[in-house]
Amino acid sequence: MGAFSFHKRFAESALALTGANEIRFFHDHGLWKMPGDSKPTP
């Protein structure tokens, strides 16, 4: 996941989409569930 999180192309895309001058990586994990998963979301 780190290879994608810190890839230059994603940083450049984030800058272009937000119009910001800089991007800071704030959170280092994501949560997702598969459709129909019976486990509650934390």
N, C-alpha and C. Protein backbone atom coordinates (compact mmCIF):
# COMPACT_ATOMS: atom_id res chain seq x y z
N MET A 1 0.82 -1.19 0.00
CA MET A 1 0.00 0.00 0.00
C MET A 1 0.87 1.26 0.00
N GLY A 2 2.02 1.18 0.67
CA GLY A 2 2.90 2.34 0.71
C GLY A 2 3.39 2.77 -0.66
N ALA A 3 3.58 1.79 -1.55
CA ALA A 3 4.03 2.12 -2.90
C ALA A 3 3.01 3.01 -3.62
N PHE A 4 1.73 2.82 -3.31
CA PHE A 4 0.68 3.64 -3.91
C PHE A 4 0.48 4.94 -3.14
N SER A 5 0.52 4.86 -1.82
CA SER A 5 0.26 6.03 -0.98
C SER A 5 1.23 7.16 -1.23
N PHE A 6 2.49 6.83 -1.47
CA PHE A 6 3.51 7.85 -1.62
C PHE A 6 3.99 8.03 -3.05
N HIS A 7 3.24 7.48 -4.01
CA HIS A 7 3.64 7.60 -5.41
C HIS A 7 3.45 9.04 -5.89
N LYS A 8 4.42 9.56 -6.60
CA LYS A 8 4.40 10.94 -7.07
C LYS A 8 3.15 11.27 -7.89
N ARG A 9 2.70 10.34 -8.69
CA ARG A 9 1.52 10.59 -9.54
C ARG A 9 0.28 10.89 -8.71
N PHE A 10 0.10 10.18 -7.58
CA PHE A 10 -1.07 10.43 -6.74
C PHE A 10 -0.97 11.76 -6.04
N ALA A 11 0.24 12.13 -5.62
CA ALA A 11 0.43 13.44 -4.99
C ALA A 11 0.12 14.56 -5.99
N GLU A 12 0.60 14.41 -7.20
CA GLU A 12 0.34 15.42 -8.23
C GLU A 12 -1.15 15.51 -8.55
N SER A 13 -1.84 14.37 -8.58
CA SER A 13 -3.28 14.36 -8.83
C SER A 13 -4.03 15.06 -7.70
N ALA A 14 -3.62 14.80 -6.46
CA ALA A 14 -4.26 15.44 -5.31
C ALA A 14 -4.08 16.96 -5.37
N LEU A 15 -2.89 17.41 -5.74
CA LEU A 15 -2.65 18.84 -5.88
C LEU A 15 -3.54 19.45 -6.97
N ALA A 16 -3.62 18.77 -8.09
CA ALA A 16 -4.42 19.28 -9.20
C ALA A 16 -5.91 19.32 -8.84
N LEU A 17 -6.39 18.29 -8.17
CA LEU A 17 -7.82 18.23 -7.83
C LEU A 17 -8.21 19.24 -6.76
N THR A 18 -7.32 19.50 -5.82
CA THR A 18 -7.65 20.41 -4.72
C THR A 18 -7.24 21.84 -4.98
N GLY A 19 -6.31 22.05 -5.92
CA GLY A 19 -5.81 23.39 -6.16
C GLY A 19 -4.87 23.86 -5.06
N ALA A 20 -4.40 22.95 -4.23
CA ALA A 20 -3.52 23.30 -3.11
C ALA A 20 -2.08 23.46 -3.58
N ASN A 21 -1.28 24.11 -2.74
CA ASN A 21 0.15 24.27 -3.04
C ASN A 21 0.97 23.11 -2.50
N GLU A 22 0.44 22.43 -1.51
CA GLU A 22 1.13 21.27 -0.93
C GLU A 22 0.10 20.31 -0.36
N ILE A 23 0.50 19.05 -0.25
CA ILE A 23 -0.34 18.00 0.31
C ILE A 23 0.43 17.33 1.44
N ARG A 24 -0.23 17.12 2.55
CA ARG A 24 0.39 16.41 3.67
C ARG A 24 -0.34 15.10 3.88
N PHE A 25 0.43 14.05 4.05
CA PHE A 25 -0.14 12.73 4.29
C PHE A 25 -0.52 12.65 5.76
N PHE A 26 -1.82 12.65 6.04
CA PHE A 26 -2.30 12.74 7.41
C PHE A 26 -2.61 11.39 8.04
N HIS A 27 -3.26 10.54 7.32
CA HIS A 27 -3.72 9.27 7.89
C HIS A 27 -3.15 8.12 7.10
N ASP A 28 -2.64 7.11 7.76
CA ASP A 28 -1.91 6.07 7.06
C ASP A 28 -2.66 4.75 6.92
N HIS A 29 -3.96 4.74 7.10
CA HIS A 29 -4.70 3.51 6.86
C HIS A 29 -6.14 3.83 6.46
N GLY A 30 -6.78 2.86 5.85
CA GLY A 30 -8.16 3.02 5.43
C GLY A 30 -9.00 1.84 5.90
N LEU A 31 -10.27 2.05 5.95
CA LEU A 31 -11.20 0.98 6.34
C LEU A 31 -12.13 0.70 5.16
N TRP A 32 -12.36 -0.55 4.89
CA TRP A 32 -13.32 -0.92 3.86
C TRP A 32 -13.91 -2.27 4.20
N LYS A 33 -15.09 -2.50 3.65
CA LYS A 33 -15.78 -3.77 3.87
C LYS A 33 -16.26 -4.30 2.52
N MET A 34 -16.30 -5.59 2.44
CA MET A 34 -16.88 -6.21 1.24
C MET A 34 -18.39 -6.15 1.35
N PRO A 35 -19.09 -6.02 0.22
CA PRO A 35 -20.55 -6.00 0.24
C PRO A 35 -21.10 -7.26 0.91
N GLY A 36 -22.06 -7.08 1.77
CA GLY A 36 -22.70 -8.20 2.44
C GLY A 36 -21.95 -8.75 3.64
N ASP A 37 -20.86 -8.10 4.06
CA ASP A 37 -20.09 -8.54 5.21
C ASP A 37 -20.94 -8.41 6.47
N SER A 38 -20.97 -9.45 7.27
CA SER A 38 -21.82 -9.44 8.47
C SER A 38 -21.13 -8.81 9.68
N LYS A 39 -19.84 -8.53 9.59
CA LYS A 39 -19.12 -7.93 10.71
C LYS A 39 -19.43 -6.44 10.82
N PRO A 40 -19.57 -5.93 12.04
CA PRO A 40 -19.85 -4.49 12.18
C PRO A 40 -18.62 -3.65 11.82
N THR A 41 -18.88 -2.44 11.34
CA THR A 41 -17.79 -1.51 11.03
C THR A 41 -17.25 -0.95 12.33
N PRO A 42 -15.91 -0.95 12.50
CA PRO A 42 -15.35 -0.43 13.75
C PRO A 42 -15.56 1.06 13.90
